Amino acid sequence: MAFFRKNIGKGQQAVRIGIGVGVALLAYSFLNGWLALLVGVSSLSFALTGIVGYCPACAVAGVHDRSKP
């Protein structure tokens, strides 16, 4: 068992993965140097929250998946 509970739903997970990977691809395509690396890594970490299903910022704010009782 993981040390966290999933706090985002399946739809939000799919959106986070899509946006994160898409922005990373755009960053590596159109930006150069450190800026490409910074934007790419941060967007991939955003996609990782979708893959895992846990958002630390949502947990701090008290937001939970509303589809679960």
PDB file of N, CA and C in Angstrom:
ATOM      1  N   MET A   1       0.842  -1.173   0.000  1.00  0.00           N
ATOM      2  CA  MET A   1       0.000   0.000   0.000  1.00  0.00           C
ATOM      3  C   MET A   1       0.892   1.242   0.000  1.00  0.00           C
ATOM      4  N   ALA A   2       0.472   2.200  -0.753  1.00  0.00           N
ATOM      5  CA  ALA A   2       1.244   3.439  -0.875  1.00  0.00           C
ATOM      6  C   ALA A   2       1.028   4.326   0.344  1.00  0.00           C
ATOM      7  N   PHE A   3       1.911   5.281   0.514  1.00  0.00           N
ATOM      8  CA  PHE A   3       1.809   6.188   1.650  1.00  0.00           C
ATOM      9  C   PHE A   3       0.814   7.314   1.387  1.00  0.00           C
ATOM     10  N   PHE A   4       0.179   7.313   0.217  1.00  0.00           N
ATOM     11  CA  PHE A   4      -0.776   8.352  -0.135  1.00  0.00           C
ATOM     12  C   PHE A   4      -2.049   7.714  -0.678  1.00  0.00           C
ATOM     13  N   ARG A   5      -3.111   8.487  -0.701  1.00  0.00           N
ATOM     14  CA  ARG A   5      -4.363   8.082  -1.325  1.00  0.00           C
ATOM     15  C   ARG A   5      -4.539   8.894  -2.588  1.00  0.00           C
ATOM     16  N   LYS A   6      -5.029   8.269  -3.626  1.00  0.00           N
ATOM     17  CA  LYS A   6      -5.282   9.002  -4.860  1.00  0.00           C
ATOM     18  C   LYS A   6      -6.314  10.088  -4.568  1.00  0.00           C
ATOM     19  N   ASN A   7      -5.998  11.314  -4.964  1.00  0.00           N
ATOM     20  CA  ASN A   7      -6.923  12.404  -4.679  1.00  0.00           C
ATOM     21  C   ASN A   7      -7.395  13.122  -5.941  1.00  0.00           C
ATOM     22  N   ILE A   8      -7.097  12.572  -7.120  1.00  0.00           N
ATOM     23  CA  ILE A   8      -7.638  13.127  -8.352  1.00  0.00           C
ATOM     24  C   ILE A   8      -8.292  12.006  -9.140  1.00  0.00           C
ATOM     25  N   GLY A   9      -9.336  12.343  -9.875  1.00  0.00           N
ATOM     26  CA  GLY A   9     -10.110  11.354 -10.618  1.00  0.00           C
ATOM     27  C   GLY A   9      -9.445  10.944 -11.926  1.00  0.00           C
ATOM     28  N   LYS A  10     -10.058   9.979 -12.586  1.00  0.00           N
ATOM     29  CA  LYS A  10      -9.514   9.446 -13.837  1.00  0.00           C
ATOM     30  C   LYS A  10      -9.484  10.497 -14.933  1.00  0.00           C
ATOM     31  N   GLY A  11     -10.526  11.322 -15.021  1.00  0.00           N
ATOM     32  CA  GLY A  11     -10.554  12.362 -16.044  1.00  0.00           C
ATOM     33  C   GLY A  11      -9.443  13.382 -15.852  1.00  0.00           C
ATOM     34  N   GLN A  12      -9.263  13.804 -14.615  1.00  0.00           N
ATOM     35  CA  GLN A  12      -8.207  14.765 -14.331  1.00  0.00           C
ATOM     36  C   GLN A  12      -6.828  14.135 -14.525  1.00  0.00           C
ATOM     37  N   GLN A  13      -6.698  12.855 -14.263  1.00  0.00           N
ATOM     38  CA  GLN A  13      -5.436  12.178 -14.508  1.00  0.00           C
ATOM     39  C   GLN A  13      -5.095  12.213 -15.998  1.00  0.00           C
ATOM     40  N   ALA A  14      -6.074  11.927 -16.843  1.00  0.00           N
ATOM     41  CA  ALA A  14      -5.846  11.927 -18.291  1.00  0.00           C
ATOM     42  C   ALA A  14      -5.474  13.314 -18.789  1.00  0.00           C
ATOM     43  N   VAL A  15      -6.144  14.342 -18.268  1.00  0.00           N
ATOM     44  CA  VAL A  15      -5.853  15.710 -18.678  1.00  0.00           C
ATOM     45  C   VAL A  15      -4.441  16.101 -18.247  1.00  0.00           C
ATOM     46  N   ARG A  16      -4.064  15.761 -17.029  1.00  0.00           N
ATOM     47  CA  ARG A  16      -2.721  16.100 -16.540  1.00  0.00           C
ATOM     48  C   ARG A  16      -1.634  15.411 -17.354  1.00  0.00           C
ATOM     49  N   ILE A  17      -1.857  14.159 -17.731  1.00  0.00           N
ATOM     50  CA  ILE A  17      -0.867  13.444 -18.540  1.00  0.00           C
ATOM     51  C   ILE A  17      -0.757  14.096 -19.912  1.00  0.00           C
ATOM     52  N   GLY A  18      -1.886  14.387 -20.527  1.00  0.00           N
ATOM     53  CA  GLY A  18      -1.876  14.990 -21.854  1.00  0.00           C
ATOM     54  C   GLY A  18      -1.230  16.358 -21.879  1.00  0.00           C
ATOM     55  N   ILE A  19      -1.600  17.208 -20.948  1.00  0.00           N
ATOM     56  CA  ILE A  19      -1.017  18.556 -20.896  1.00  0.00           C
ATOM     57  C   ILE A  19       0.472  18.484 -20.569  1.00  0.00           C
ATOM     58  N   GLY A  20       0.836  17.669 -19.602  1.00  0.00           N
ATOM     59  CA  GLY A  20       2.241  17.579 -19.208  1.00  0.00           C
ATOM     60  C   GLY A  20       3.152  17.089 -20.322  1.00  0.00           C
ATOM     61  N   VAL A  21       2.741  16.033 -20.997  1.00  0.00           N
ATOM     62  CA  VAL A  21       3.564  15.497 -22.089  1.00  0.00           C
ATOM     63  C   VAL A  21       3.558  16.454 -23.270  1.00  0.00           C
ATOM     64  N   GLY A  22       2.403  17.046 -23.565  1.00  0.00           N
ATOM     65  CA  GLY A  22       2.322  17.985 -24.681  1.00  0.00           C
ATOM     66  C   GLY A  22       3.191  19.204 -24.495  1.00  0.00           C
ATOM     67  N   VAL A  23       3.164  19.786 -23.319  1.00  0.00           N
ATOM     68  CA  VAL A  23       3.997  20.969 -23.048  1.00  0.00           C
ATOM     69  C   VAL A  23       5.478  20.595 -23.065  1.00  0.00           C
ATOM     70  N   ALA A  24       5.817  19.413 -22.571  1.00  0.00           N
ATOM     71  CA  ALA A  24       7.220  18.982 -22.605  1.00  0.00           C
ATOM     72  C   ALA A  24       7.707  18.838 -24.047  1.00  0.00           C
ATOM     73  N   LEU A  25       6.890  18.257 -24.905  1.00  0.00           N
ATOM     74  CA  LEU A  25       7.273  18.120 -26.311  1.00  0.00           C
ATOM     75  C   LEU A  25       7.413  19.481 -26.986  1.00  0.00           C
ATOM     76  N   LEU A  26       6.489  20.383 -26.704  1.00  0.00           N
ATOM     77  CA  LEU A  26       6.584  21.725 -27.275  1.00  0.00           C
ATOM     78  C   LEU A  26       7.815  22.465 -26.755  1.00  0.00           C
ATOM     79  N   ALA A  27       8.117  22.305 -25.486  1.00  0.00           N
ATOM     80  CA  ALA A  27       9.280  22.986 -24.904  1.00  0.00           C
ATOM     81  C   ALA A  27      10.566  22.503 -25.552  1.00  0.00           C
ATOM     82  N   TYR A  28      10.690  21.195 -25.711  1.00  0.00           N
ATOM     83  CA  TYR A  28      11.914  20.669 -26.312  1.00  0.00           C
ATOM     84  C   TYR A  28      11.998  20.985 -27.805  1.00  0.00           C
ATOM     85  N   SER A  29      10.853  21.236 -28.442  1.00  0.00           N
ATOM     86  CA  SER A  29      10.850  21.558 -29.871  1.00  0.00           C
ATOM     87  C   SER A  29      11.162  23.021 -30.145  1.00  0.00           C
ATOM     88  N   PHE A  30      10.592  23.923 -29.337  1.00  0.00           N
ATOM     89  CA  PHE A  30      10.649  25.345 -29.658  1.00  0.00           C
ATOM     90  C   PHE A  30      11.557  26.186 -28.775  1.00  0.00           C
ATOM     91  N   LEU A  31      11.975  25.664 -27.640  1.00  0.00           N
ATOM     92  CA  LEU A  31      12.821  26.433 -26.741  1.00  0.00           C
ATOM     93  C   LEU A  31      14.251  25.905 -26.779  1.00  0.00           C
ATOM     94  N   ASN A  32      15.177  26.708 -26.310  1.00  0.00           N
ATOM     95  CA  ASN A  32      16.592  26.327 -26.330  1.00  0.00           C
ATOM     96  C   ASN A  32      17.198  26.392 -24.934  1.00  0.00           C
ATOM     97  N   GLY A  33      18.198  25.562 -24.694  1.00  0.00           N
ATOM     98  CA  GLY A  33      19.012  25.644 -23.492  1.00  0.00           C
ATOM     99  C   GLY A  33      18.282  25.323 -22.207  1.00  0.00           C
ATOM    100  N   TRP A  34      18.612  26.114 -21.193  1.00  0.00           N
ATOM    101  CA  TRP A  34      18.094  25.885 -19.840  1.00  0.00           C
ATOM    102  C   TRP A  34      16.596  26.077 -19.751  1.00  0.00           C
ATOM    103  N   LEU A  35      16.066  26.986 -20.548  1.00  0.00           N
ATOM    104  CA  LEU A  35      14.622  27.229 -20.513  1.00  0.00           C
ATOM    105  C   LEU A  35      13.857  25.992 -20.981  1.00  0.00           C
ATOM    106  N   ALA A  36      14.336  25.341 -22.027  1.00  0.00           N
ATOM    107  CA  ALA A  36      13.711  24.105 -22.503  1.00  0.00           C
ATOM    108  C   ALA A  36      13.773  23.028 -21.434  1.00  0.00           C
ATOM    109  N   LEU A  37      14.909  22.920 -20.781  1.00  0.00           N
ATOM    110  CA  LEU A  37      15.064  21.922 -19.726  1.00  0.00           C
ATOM    111  C   LEU A  37      14.144  22.216 -18.543  1.00  0.00           C
ATOM    112  N   LEU A  38      14.082  23.465 -18.128  1.00  0.00           N
ATOM    113  CA  LEU A  38      13.241  23.846 -16.994  1.00  0.00           C
ATOM    114  C   LEU A  38      11.763  23.598 -17.276  1.00  0.00           C
ATOM    115  N   VAL A  39      11.290  24.062 -18.414  1.00  0.00           N
ATOM    116  CA  VAL A  39       9.879  23.885 -18.757  1.00  0.00           C
ATOM    117  C   VAL A  39       9.573  22.411 -18.996  1.00  0.00           C
ATOM    118  N   GLY A  40      10.472  21.703 -19.657  1.00  0.00           N
ATOM    119  CA  GLY A  40      10.245  20.286 -19.932  1.00  0.00           C
ATOM    120  C   GLY A  40      10.174  19.435 -18.679  1.00  0.00           C
ATOM    121  N   VAL A  41      11.085  19.636 -17.774  1.00  0.00           N
ATOM    122  CA  VAL A  41      11.098  18.841 -16.536  1.00  0.00           C
ATOM    123  C   VAL A  41       9.898  19.175 -15.656  1.00  0.00           C
ATOM    124  N   SER A  42       9.553  20.446 -15.563  1.00  0.00           N
ATOM    125  CA  SER A  42       8.405  20.805 -14.724  1.00  0.00           C
ATOM    126  C   SER A  42       7.097  20.282 -15.315  1.00  0.00           C
ATOM    127  N   SER A  43       6.963  20.279 -16.631  1.00  0.00           N
ATOM    128  CA  SER A  43       5.738  19.750 -17.230  1.00  0.00           C
ATOM    129  C   SER A  43       5.689  18.228 -17.126  1.00  0.00           C
ATOM    130  N   LEU A  44       6.831  17.570 -17.186  1.00  0.00           N
ATOM    131  CA  LEU A  44       6.832  16.119 -16.989  1.00  0.00           C
ATOM    132  C   LEU A  44       6.508  15.747 -15.545  1.00  0.00           C
ATOM    133  N   SER A  45       6.896  16.596 -14.595  1.00  0.00           N
ATOM    134  CA  SER A  45       6.511  16.332 -13.210  1.00  0.00           C
ATOM    135  C   SER A  45       5.011  16.537 -13.026  1.00  0.00           C
ATOM    136  N   PHE A  46       4.424  17.471 -13.781  1.00  0.00           N
ATOM    137  CA  PHE A  46       2.974  17.655 -13.775  1.00  0.00           C
ATOM    138  C   PHE A  46       2.291  16.413 -14.340  1.00  0.00           C
ATOM    139  N   ALA A  47       2.849  15.842 -15.410  1.00  0.00           N
ATOM    140  CA  ALA A  47       2.300  14.615 -15.981  1.00  0.00           C
ATOM    141  C   ALA A  47       2.437  13.451 -15.005  1.00  0.00           C
ATOM    142  N   LEU A  48       3.503  13.440 -14.227  1.00  0.00           N
ATOM    143  CA  LEU A  48       3.714  12.377 -13.251  1.00  0.00           C
ATOM    144  C   LEU A  48       2.625  12.372 -12.181  1.00  0.00           C
ATOM    145  N   THR A  49       2.130  13.551 -11.801  1.00  0.00           N
ATOM    146  CA  THR A  49       1.031  13.586 -10.833  1.00  0.00           C
ATOM    147  C   THR A  49      -0.213  12.924 -11.414  1.00  0.00           C
ATOM    148  N   GLY A  50      -0.388  13.012 -12.730  1.00  0.00           N
ATOM    149  CA  GLY A  50      -1.502  12.322 -13.366  1.00  0.00           C
ATOM    150  C   GLY A  50      -1.295  10.828 -13.426  1.00  0.00           C
ATOM    151  N   ILE A  51      -0.077  10.402 -13.675  1.00  0.00           N
ATOM    152  CA  ILE A  51       0.214   8.969 -13.744  1.00  0.00           C
ATOM    153  C   ILE A  51       0.024   8.322 -12.376  1.00  0.00           C
ATOM    154  N   VAL A  52       0.500   8.982 -11.351  1.00  0.00           N
ATOM    155  CA  VAL A  52       0.410   8.447  -9.993  1.00  0.00           C
ATOM    156  C   VAL A  52      -1.007   8.603  -9.428  1.00  0.00           C
ATOM    157  N   GLY A  53      -1.679   9.689  -9.791  1.00  0.00           N
ATOM    158  CA  GLY A  53      -3.024   9.932  -9.287  1.00  0.00           C
ATOM    159  C   GLY A  53      -3.055  10.711  -7.989  1.00  0.00           C
ATOM    160  N   TYR A  54      -1.961  11.344  -7.651  1.00  0.00           N
ATOM    161  CA  TYR A  54      -1.867  12.093  -6.404  1.00  0.00           C
ATOM    162  C   TYR A  54      -1.293  13.473  -6.690  1.00  0.00           C
ATOM    163  N   CYS A  55      -1.966  14.490  -6.219  1.00  0.00           N
ATOM    164  CA  CYS A  55      -1.499  15.866  -6.387  1.00  0.00           C
ATOM    165  C   CYS A  55      -1.196  16.445  -5.003  1.00  0.00           C
ATOM    166  N   PRO A  56       0.066  16.712  -4.706  1.00  0.00           N
ATOM    167  CA  PRO A  56       0.404  17.251  -3.396  1.00  0.00           C
ATOM    168  C   PRO A  56      -0.249  18.601  -3.115  1.00  0.00           C
ATOM    169  N   ALA A  57      -0.328  19.462  -4.115  1.00  0.00           N
ATOM    170  CA  ALA A  57      -0.962  20.772  -3.910  1.00  0.00           C
ATOM    171  C   ALA A  57      -2.446  20.617  -3.611  1.00  0.00           C
ATOM    172  N   CYS A  58      -3.101  19.662  -4.268  1.00  0.00           N
ATOM    173  CA  CYS A  58      -4.519  19.410  -3.992  1.00  0.00           C
ATOM    174  C   CYS A  58      -4.700  18.877  -2.571  1.00  0.00           C
ATOM    175  N   ALA A  59      -3.777  18.055  -2.115  1.00  0.00           N
ATOM    176  CA  ALA A  59      -3.859  17.504  -0.767  1.00  0.00           C
ATOM    177  C   ALA A  59      -3.713  18.599   0.281  1.00  0.00           C
ATOM    178  N   VAL A  60      -2.799  19.534   0.050  1.00  0.00           N
ATOM    179  CA  VAL A  60      -2.600  20.635   0.987  1.00  0.00           C
ATOM    180  C   VAL A  60      -3.833  21.519   1.028  1.00  0.00           C
ATOM    181  N   ALA A  61      -4.460  21.741  -0.143  1.00  0.00           N
ATOM    182  CA  ALA A  61      -5.648  22.588  -0.214  1.00  0.00           C
ATOM    183  C   ALA A  61      -6.902  21.877   0.268  1.00  0.00           C
ATOM    184  N   GLY A  62      -6.823  20.570   0.483  1.00  0.00           N
ATOM    185  CA  GLY A  62      -7.974  19.816   0.959  1.00  0.00           C
ATOM    186  C   GLY A  62      -8.906  19.373  -0.145  1.00  0.00           C
ATOM    187  N   VAL A  63      -8.445  19.377  -1.388  1.00  0.00           N
ATOM    188  CA  VAL A  63      -9.261  18.952  -2.517  1.00  0.00           C
ATOM    189  C   VAL A  63      -9.106  17.447  -2.675  1.00  0.00           C
ATOM    190  N   HIS A  64     -10.239  16.753  -2.800  1.00  0.00           N
ATOM    191  CA  HIS A  64     -10.205  15.313  -2.963  1.00  0.00           C
ATOM    192  C   HIS A  64     -11.080  14.927  -4.149  1.00  0.00           C
ATOM    193  N   ASP A  65     -10.904  13.715  -4.643  1.00  0.00           N
ATOM    194  CA  ASP A  65     -11.700  13.208  -5.754  1.00  0.00           C
ATOM    195  C   ASP A  65     -13.148  13.119  -5.316  1.00  0.00           C
ATOM    196  N   ARG A  66     -14.004  13.831  -5.999  1.00  0.00           N
ATOM    197  CA  ARG A  66     -15.416  13.884  -5.589  1.00  0.00           C
ATOM    198  C   ARG A  66     -16.199  12.650  -6.032  1.00  0.00           C
ATOM    199  N   SER A  67     -15.645  11.820  -6.909  1.00  0.00           N
ATOM    200  CA  SER A  67     -16.369  10.616  -7.339  1.00  0.00           C
ATOM    201  C   SER A  67     -16.314   9.532  -6.275  1.00  0.00           C
ATOM    202  N   LYS A  68     -15.390   9.657  -5.327  1.00  0.00           N
ATOM    203  CA  LYS A  68     -15.299   8.689  -4.232  1.00  0.00           C
ATOM    204  C   LYS A  68     -16.060   9.209  -3.022  1.00  0.00           C
ATOM    205  N   PRO A  69     -16.773   8.339  -2.348  1.00  0.00           N
ATOM    206  CA  PRO A  69     -17.529   8.808  -1.162  1.00  0.00           C
ATOM    207  C   PRO A  69     -16.663   9.135   0.026  1.00  0.00           C
TER     208      PRO A  69
END
